[in-house]
Protein backbone atom coordinates (compact mmCIF):
# COMPACT_ATOMS: atom_id res chain seq x y z
CA MET A 1 -9.80 7.73 20.02
CA ASP A 2 -6.63 5.56 20.42
CA MET A 3 -6.76 2.52 23.06
CA LEU A 4 -4.43 4.67 25.29
CA ASP A 5 -7.33 7.27 25.62
CA ILE A 6 -10.16 4.92 25.93
CA TYR A 7 -8.58 2.77 28.66
CA THR A 8 -7.16 5.81 30.81
CA ASP A 9 -10.69 6.83 30.36
CA TYR A 10 -12.01 4.10 31.11
CA LEU A 11 -9.69 3.77 34.49
CA ILE A 12 -11.57 6.76 35.44
CA CYS A 13 -15.30 6.19 35.08
CA GLN A 14 -15.07 2.37 35.83
CA ASN A 15 -15.05 1.88 39.42
CA LYS A 16 -14.56 -1.76 40.96
CA TYR A 17 -11.73 -3.59 38.95
CA ALA A 18 -10.20 -2.70 36.00
CA THR A 19 -10.46 -5.37 33.41
CA ALA A 20 -9.73 -6.31 29.92
CA THR A 21 -13.32 -7.99 29.44
CA GLY A 22 -14.86 -4.83 31.83
CA LEU A 23 -13.77 -1.92 29.19
CA SER A 24 -14.81 -4.43 26.08
CA GLU A 25 -18.45 -4.96 27.34
CA LEU A 26 -18.29 -1.25 28.34
CA VAL A 27 -18.28 -0.30 24.62
CA ASP A 28 -20.38 -2.90 23.35
CA GLY A 29 -18.07 -5.09 22.01
CA GLU A 30 -16.68 -1.95 19.58
CA PHE A 31 -13.41 -4.31 20.41
CA SER A 32 -12.69 -7.13 22.10
CA HIS A 33 -11.16 -7.68 25.67
CA ASP A 34 -7.96 -9.44 23.75
CA LYS A 35 -7.26 -6.05 21.87
CA VAL A 36 -7.01 -4.44 25.13
CA THR A 37 -5.29 -7.19 26.79
CA ARG A 38 -2.32 -6.55 23.45
CA PHE A 39 -2.44 -3.05 24.53
CA LEU A 40 -1.05 -3.80 27.72
CA ARG A 41 1.23 -6.36 26.74
CA GLU A 42 2.62 -5.57 23.41
CA ASN A 43 3.49 -1.23 24.22
CA ASP A 44 6.19 0.09 25.76
CA TYR A 45 5.06 3.32 28.12
CA GLY A 46 6.43 4.68 30.18
CA PRO A 47 8.20 7.64 32.01
CA LYS A 48 9.04 9.64 28.66
CA CYS A 49 5.54 9.01 27.19
CA LEU A 50 4.82 10.35 30.15
CA TRP A 51 6.57 13.73 29.87
CA LEU A 52 4.97 14.06 26.14
CA TYR A 53 1.70 14.55 26.95
CA VAL A 54 1.98 16.67 30.20
CA LYS A 55 4.98 19.15 28.53
CA ASN A 56 2.20 21.17 27.30
CA PRO A 57 0.34 22.31 29.43
CA VAL A 58 3.33 22.21 32.63
CA ARG A 59 4.75 25.18 29.94
CA GLN A 60 1.33 26.58 29.90
CA HIS A 61 0.96 26.54 33.68
CA GLU A 62 5.29 27.53 34.62
CA ASN A 63 5.99 29.95 36.83
CA ASP A 64 9.06 31.19 38.70
CA ASP A 65 6.68 30.09 42.29
CA GLY A 66 7.09 26.26 40.52
CA VAL A 67 7.93 23.33 43.10
CA LEU A 68 8.98 19.71 42.31
CA THR A 69 8.01 17.53 45.03
CA LEU A 70 9.20 13.62 44.83
CA ASP A 71 7.80 10.88 47.08
CA ASP A 72 6.60 7.41 46.61
CA CYS A 73 4.06 5.46 47.35
CA ILE A 74 2.83 1.02 47.25
CA GLU A 75 0.19 0.13 44.82
CA GLU A 76 -0.42 -3.53 46.95
CA LYS A 77 -0.94 -6.73 45.24
CA PRO A 78 -1.24 -9.27 47.56
CA TYR A 79 -2.37 -11.67 45.77
CA THR A 80 -0.49 -11.75 42.49
CA ASP A 81 2.78 -13.64 41.85
CA GLU A 82 5.82 -12.14 42.74
CA ASN A 83 8.06 -10.80 39.87
CA PRO A 84 10.58 -8.13 40.23
CA VAL A 85 8.56 -4.96 40.54
CA ASN A 86 5.65 -6.81 42.82
CA CYS A 87 7.21 -8.19 45.62
CA TRP A 88 8.42 -7.28 49.06
CA HIS A 89 8.62 -3.42 50.50
CA TYR A 90 8.44 -1.54 53.43
CA SER A 91 5.78 0.56 53.77
CA HIS A 92 6.10 3.63 56.13
CA ALA A 93 2.59 4.30 56.25
CA LYS A 94 2.36 0.76 57.24
CA GLY A 95 5.25 0.83 59.55
CA GLY A 96 6.66 -3.04 57.84
CA VAL A 97 7.05 -4.73 54.76
CA VAL A 98 3.71 -5.21 52.12
CA LYS A 99 3.95 -6.58 49.33
CA GLY A 100 2.93 -4.99 45.63
CA ILE A 101 4.72 -2.57 43.72
CA ASN A 102 6.61 0.84 44.73
CA ILE A 103 6.82 3.51 42.88
CA LEU A 104 8.06 6.45 43.49
CA SER A 105 7.31 9.71 41.69
CA CYS A 106 8.08 13.65 40.79
CA MET A 107 5.80 15.68 40.95
CA VAL A 108 5.82 19.59 39.44
CA ARG A 109 3.34 22.50 41.22
CA TYR A 110 2.51 25.73 40.19
CA ASP A 111 -0.24 27.35 42.00
CA ASP A 112 -2.88 24.56 42.41
CA PHE A 113 -1.51 22.82 39.49
CA SER A 114 0.06 19.69 39.67
CA VAL A 115 1.13 17.05 37.79
CA PRO A 116 3.82 14.27 37.62
CA VAL A 117 6.33 15.06 35.29
CA GLY A 118 8.09 11.46 36.08
CA TYR A 119 8.59 8.30 37.55
CA GLU A 120 9.85 5.21 38.15
CA VAL A 121 8.69 1.80 38.85
CA VAL A 122 11.50 -0.19 41.99
CA LYS A 123 12.81 -3.28 40.53
CA LYS A 124 14.43 -5.42 42.57
CA ASP A 125 16.22 -7.41 39.70
CA ILE A 126 18.69 -9.09 41.96
CA GLN A 127 17.30 -12.20 43.96
CA TYR A 128 20.00 -13.80 46.55
CA CYS A 129 19.91 -16.27 49.83
CA ASP A 130 19.23 -13.87 52.96
CA VAL A 131 22.27 -16.05 55.35
CA LYS A 132 20.34 -16.04 58.52
CA THR A 133 17.20 -17.10 57.10
CA LYS A 134 17.90 -18.96 54.18
CA GLN A 135 15.74 -17.56 52.43
CA GLN A 136 15.53 -16.06 49.00
CA ARG A 137 15.22 -12.28 48.97
CA ARG A 138 15.11 -9.61 46.30
CA LYS A 139 16.59 -5.77 45.80
CA SER A 140 17.41 -3.75 43.97
CA SER A 141 20.24 -2.88 42.12
CA VAL A 142 19.53 0.77 41.62
CA THR A 143 19.25 2.76 45.16
CA LYS A 144 15.81 4.51 45.72
CA ASN A 145 18.02 7.92 45.93
CA GLU A 146 19.53 6.61 43.33
CA LEU A 147 16.42 7.32 41.38
CA PHE A 148 15.62 10.07 43.26
CA ARG A 149 18.19 11.98 41.72
CA ASN A 150 17.96 10.76 38.69
CA LEU A 151 14.00 11.79 38.54
CA ILE A 152 15.00 15.59 39.81
CA ASP A 153 17.94 15.36 36.82
CA GLN A 154 15.87 14.76 34.29
CA ALA A 155 13.29 17.47 35.32
CA VAL A 156 15.98 19.86 34.69
CA LYS A 157 17.21 18.12 31.40
CA ASN A 158 13.48 18.85 30.39
CA GLU A 159 13.71 22.50 31.89
CA VAL A 160 10.82 22.07 34.23
CA LEU A 161 10.71 25.39 35.79
CA PHE A 162 11.17 24.98 39.76
CA LYS A 163 12.62 27.18 42.60
CA TYR A 164 12.65 24.82 45.30
CA VAL A 165 12.95 20.06 45.13
CA LEU A 166 11.08 19.10 48.05
CA ALA A 167 11.31 15.83 50.50
CA ASP A 168 9.97 13.62 53.64
CA ASN A 169 12.83 13.00 55.80
CA TRP A 170 13.42 9.38 53.35
CA PHE A 171 15.02 11.29 50.77
CA GLY A 172 17.20 13.56 53.68
CA SER A 173 20.19 11.71 52.10
CA LYS A 174 23.32 14.25 52.60
CA ALA A 175 23.92 12.71 48.69
CA ASN A 176 21.27 14.11 47.74
CA MET A 177 21.50 17.60 49.60
CA ALA A 178 24.79 17.74 47.76
CA HIS A 179 23.39 16.99 44.59
CA ILE A 180 21.31 19.73 44.43
CA HIS A 181 23.16 22.45 45.96
CA ASN A 182 26.22 21.68 43.79
CA ASP A 183 25.60 19.79 40.70
CA LEU A 184 22.03 21.55 40.26
CA GLN A 185 22.77 24.64 42.20
CA LYS A 186 18.77 24.34 43.25
CA SER A 187 16.87 25.01 46.12
CA PHE A 188 15.35 22.31 48.25
CA ILE A 189 13.58 22.02 51.58
CA ILE A 190 13.82 18.30 53.38
CA GLY A 191 13.16 16.81 56.38
CA ILE A 192 15.48 14.94 58.33
CA LYS A 193 14.71 12.25 61.19
CA SER A 194 15.94 12.86 64.68
CA ASN A 195 19.03 11.31 64.75
CA ARG A 196 20.58 13.44 62.35
CA THR A 197 23.81 14.98 63.65
CA LEU A 198 25.03 18.48 63.07
CA ALA A 199 26.83 21.64 64.59
CA LEU A 200 25.70 25.06 65.45
CA THR A 201 28.84 26.62 64.29
CA GLU A 202 31.51 26.38 61.70
CA ASN A 203 33.97 26.02 64.35
CA ASP A 204 32.30 23.01 65.62
CA ALA A 205 31.97 21.66 62.43
CA ASN A 206 35.55 21.80 61.65
CA ASN A 207 36.45 20.06 65.48
CA GLY A 208 34.21 16.93 64.72
CA LYS A 209 31.60 18.41 67.95
CA TYR A 210 28.58 17.04 66.28
CA ALA A 211 24.99 16.08 68.30
CA GLN A 212 21.90 14.55 67.32
CA VAL A 213 19.08 17.54 66.41
CA ARG A 214 16.67 16.34 69.27
CA GLU A 215 19.31 16.39 71.75
CA LEU A 216 19.68 20.16 71.01
CA ASP A 217 17.28 23.38 72.62
CA ILE A 218 15.77 24.27 69.33
CA GLU A 219 13.18 26.72 69.52
CA GLU A 220 10.38 25.91 66.75
CA ASP A 221 9.47 28.32 64.34
CA VAL A 222 12.94 29.96 63.72
CA ALA A 223 15.34 29.09 61.54
CA ILE A 224 19.21 28.48 62.68
CA THR A 225 21.85 28.22 60.88
CA VAL A 226 23.76 24.26 61.17
CA TRP A 227 26.38 22.29 59.84
CA LEU A 228 24.79 18.87 59.01
CA LYS A 229 27.41 16.57 59.56
CA GLY A 230 28.30 14.85 55.99
CA LEU A 231 27.71 18.76 54.16
CA ASP A 232 30.32 20.96 52.66
CA PHE A 233 27.75 24.06 52.69
CA PRO A 234 25.73 25.00 56.20
CA VAL A 235 21.94 24.95 56.10
CA LYS A 236 18.94 26.23 57.61
CA LEU A 237 17.28 24.24 60.57
CA LEU A 238 13.72 24.56 61.11
CA LYS A 239 11.39 23.19 63.77
CA LYS A 240 8.07 22.43 63.98
CA VAL A 241 5.75 20.91 66.66
CA PHE A 242 2.31 19.35 65.58
CA LYS A 243 -0.33 17.64 67.16
CA ASN A 244 -1.11 14.67 65.63
CA GLU A 245 -4.63 12.83 64.46
CA ASN A 246 -4.48 10.32 67.83
CA GLY A 247 -3.31 13.24 70.18
CA SER A 248 0.31 12.83 70.31
CA ILE A 249 3.00 15.32 69.91
CA GLY A 250 5.17 15.34 66.40
CA VAL A 251 8.02 16.90 65.53
CA LEU A 252 9.25 17.83 62.35
CA TYR A 253 12.83 19.00 61.22
CA LEU A 254 13.56 20.47 57.74
CA ILE A 255 17.02 21.42 56.30
CA SER A 256 17.42 23.96 53.90
CA ASN A 257 19.86 25.94 51.46
CA ASP A 258 17.89 28.51 51.15
CA MET A 259 19.81 31.22 53.38
CA HIS A 260 17.42 33.89 52.85
CA SER A 261 14.10 33.34 53.28
CA SER A 262 12.87 33.40 57.30
CA ALA A 263 10.95 30.19 58.57
CA ASP A 264 7.39 31.33 58.36
CA ARG A 265 8.16 31.00 54.10
CA LEU A 266 10.27 28.07 54.53
CA TYR A 267 7.12 26.05 56.36
CA GLU A 268 4.65 27.60 53.29
CA VAL A 269 6.85 26.70 50.43
CA TYR A 270 7.15 22.95 52.04
CA GLN A 271 3.29 22.42 52.82
CA LYS A 272 3.17 22.63 49.26
CA ARG A 273 4.92 19.09 49.26
CA TRP A 274 1.53 17.68 50.51
CA ARG A 275 0.09 17.79 47.26
CA ILE A 276 2.32 14.51 46.25
CA GLU A 277 0.11 13.04 49.38
CA GLU A 278 -3.10 13.84 47.56
CA PHE A 279 -1.74 12.41 44.57
CA HIS A 280 -0.99 9.13 45.98
CA LYS A 281 -4.62 8.92 46.99
CA SER A 282 -6.63 10.48 43.83
CA ILE A 283 -4.35 8.02 41.61
CA LYS A 284 -5.45 5.11 43.65
CA GLN A 285 -8.82 5.98 44.99
CA ASN A 286 -9.59 8.09 41.02
CA ALA A 287 -7.87 6.37 38.69
CA SER A 288 -7.66 2.43 39.11
CA LEU A 289 -4.13 2.49 39.84
CA ALA A 290 -4.35 -0.57 42.54
CA LYS A 291 -7.69 -1.90 40.65
CA SER A 292 -6.12 -3.86 38.32
CA PRO A 293 -5.81 -7.69 37.68
CA THR A 294 -2.05 -7.22 35.27
CA LYS A 295 0.12 -10.17 36.54
CA LYS A 296 3.12 -9.93 34.08
CA VAL A 297 5.72 -6.73 34.55
CA LYS A 298 4.97 -5.39 31.34
CA THR A 299 1.13 -5.09 31.80
CA GLN A 300 1.82 -3.76 35.24
CA CYS A 301 4.23 -1.12 34.35
CA ASN A 302 1.94 -0.34 31.48
CA HIS A 303 -0.75 0.22 33.79
CA ILE A 304 1.05 2.24 35.86
CA PHE A 305 1.53 4.08 33.19
CA ALA A 306 -2.29 4.54 31.88
CA ALA A 307 -3.27 5.56 35.62
CA MET A 308 -0.62 8.30 35.26
CA ILE A 309 -2.34 9.85 32.03
CA ALA A 310 -5.86 9.01 34.05
CA TYR A 311 -4.43 11.34 36.97
CA CYS A 312 -3.69 13.62 34.46
CA LYS A 313 -7.02 13.87 32.73
CA LEU A 314 -8.40 14.28 35.96
CA GLU A 315 -5.65 17.70 36.83
CA MET A 316 -6.85 19.27 34.19
CA LEU A 317 -10.44 18.76 34.61
CA LYS A 318 -10.29 20.06 37.78
CA ILE A 319 -8.82 23.36 36.70
CA LYS A 320 -11.49 23.51 33.57
CA THR A 321 -14.58 22.30 35.83
CA ASN A 322 -13.31 24.14 39.31
CA LEU A 323 -14.16 20.82 40.99
CA ASN A 324 -10.90 18.76 42.89
CA HIS A 325 -10.90 14.77 41.76
CA PHE A 326 -13.43 13.39 44.10
CA ALA A 327 -16.25 15.61 43.18
CA ILE A 328 -15.38 14.74 39.58
CA LYS A 329 -15.53 11.15 40.40
CA TYR A 330 -18.33 10.99 42.49
CA LYS A 331 -20.59 13.51 39.50
CA LEU A 332 -19.72 10.66 36.90
CA LEU A 333 -20.45 7.54 39.09
CA LEU A 334 -24.30 9.77 40.07
CA ARG A 335 -24.83 10.46 36.37
CA ALA A 336 -24.36 6.63 35.59
CA ASN A 337 -26.37 5.70 38.63
CA GLN A 338 -28.86 7.79 37.12
CA ILE A 339 -28.80 6.56 34.03
CA ALA A 340 -29.00 3.13 35.53
CA MET A 341 -32.26 4.17 37.76
CA ARG A 342 -33.56 5.09 34.68
CA GLU A 343 -32.94 2.00 32.93
CA LEU A 344 -34.01 -0.38 35.75
CA LYS A 345 -37.68 1.81 35.42
CA ASN A 346 -37.81 0.92 31.68
CA MET A 347 -37.46 -2.62 32.67
CA THR A 348 -39.74 -2.85 34.88
CA GLY A 349 -42.65 -0.26 33.79
C-alpha cells in the first residue's frame, strides 16, 4: 500500500483535522509524521494523475447519456497565510469575498455514477496595487472562463463520453457557449443571468433589437428559439420559476443549443448538474478537503488532489454498497466508536 492510498484512506476515516502526526499515530507509528509531510511536500500530483486514477472506472460506466458538469467551490482557510492559491475570492454562496482556495472541477455523470475527470486550482499569480485603495491585490493570469474551456477540452482529448455540458450562470459567457457549439460541436445547457440581452426573431437580431430576458413575457416551461446577443447561432431559452427555502420566488433561465429536445427534457437533463453540488458537500465533509493544516502552495494542492481521490473511493464504494457517501462515513465512524466503547470497558473493568 503506497502513501497516497494510505493518506486518502485516512482522509475518509478521520473526522477532525488531517495531520501528519494524526496519520502516524493511527498506524501505530508504522511510519513517522515526517514521511507524511515529505509525501505532501515532494510529490507533484494534479489533474493528470486524477485522470489516470478514474480512467478505468469511467470507461466501465460510460454511456451515451453522460453529462459533463463544471462548477467551482471555495475551501475556506481564513487563518492560513495568504499565497497565490490561498487568497481572497468572491463566493457566490456567501455573496462576498472570502479567504480560501478556489477549485474549479469538471465532473462526468453516468446514471448514478459521477467522478471528477479534471480540476484546476485557481492561482492568483499577479500582484498589483489597487489605485483607489492603495492596497496590494492579487489576480489570475488565466481567467476562470478560460480554465472552464480548458477543462472541457481536456475531457474531449481524454475521450470522455458525454452528450451535454452543464453549468450555472456564472459560466454563461458567449465565449464558453461558442466554444462548445462551434469548436467542439457539443450540446450545452447553461444558465444565464436575467440581464442578458436577446432577440426573439432573427430579423430583430440582425437589426440590433435586443431586450433583457427579464423584461420579456416568457411562458414558463416552454422552450422558445431566441438569438442571444454575441452568438452567431440560435439557441433555445427555457424559464423555470421556483420557490426558495426562505419562501421567496426565484427564476431560472436556461440556454441550450439543443434545438430538438422539449423543455421538459432540457430541464430534466439540467437537473443532473446538482450532482456537482453534492460533490462539493461530500468532498468537504467526507473527504477532509477543508480539514488540512497545510500552509504551502504545493502541500495544499497535493492535499486537494488526495481529497479528490478520497471522494472517488467513496463513489466507487457507493456503487458497491448502495450506500451514499454520508452513510458510508457514518458506518465507519459508528464502527470506530463501538471499538472505542469496548476499549473503554476493558480499561475500566
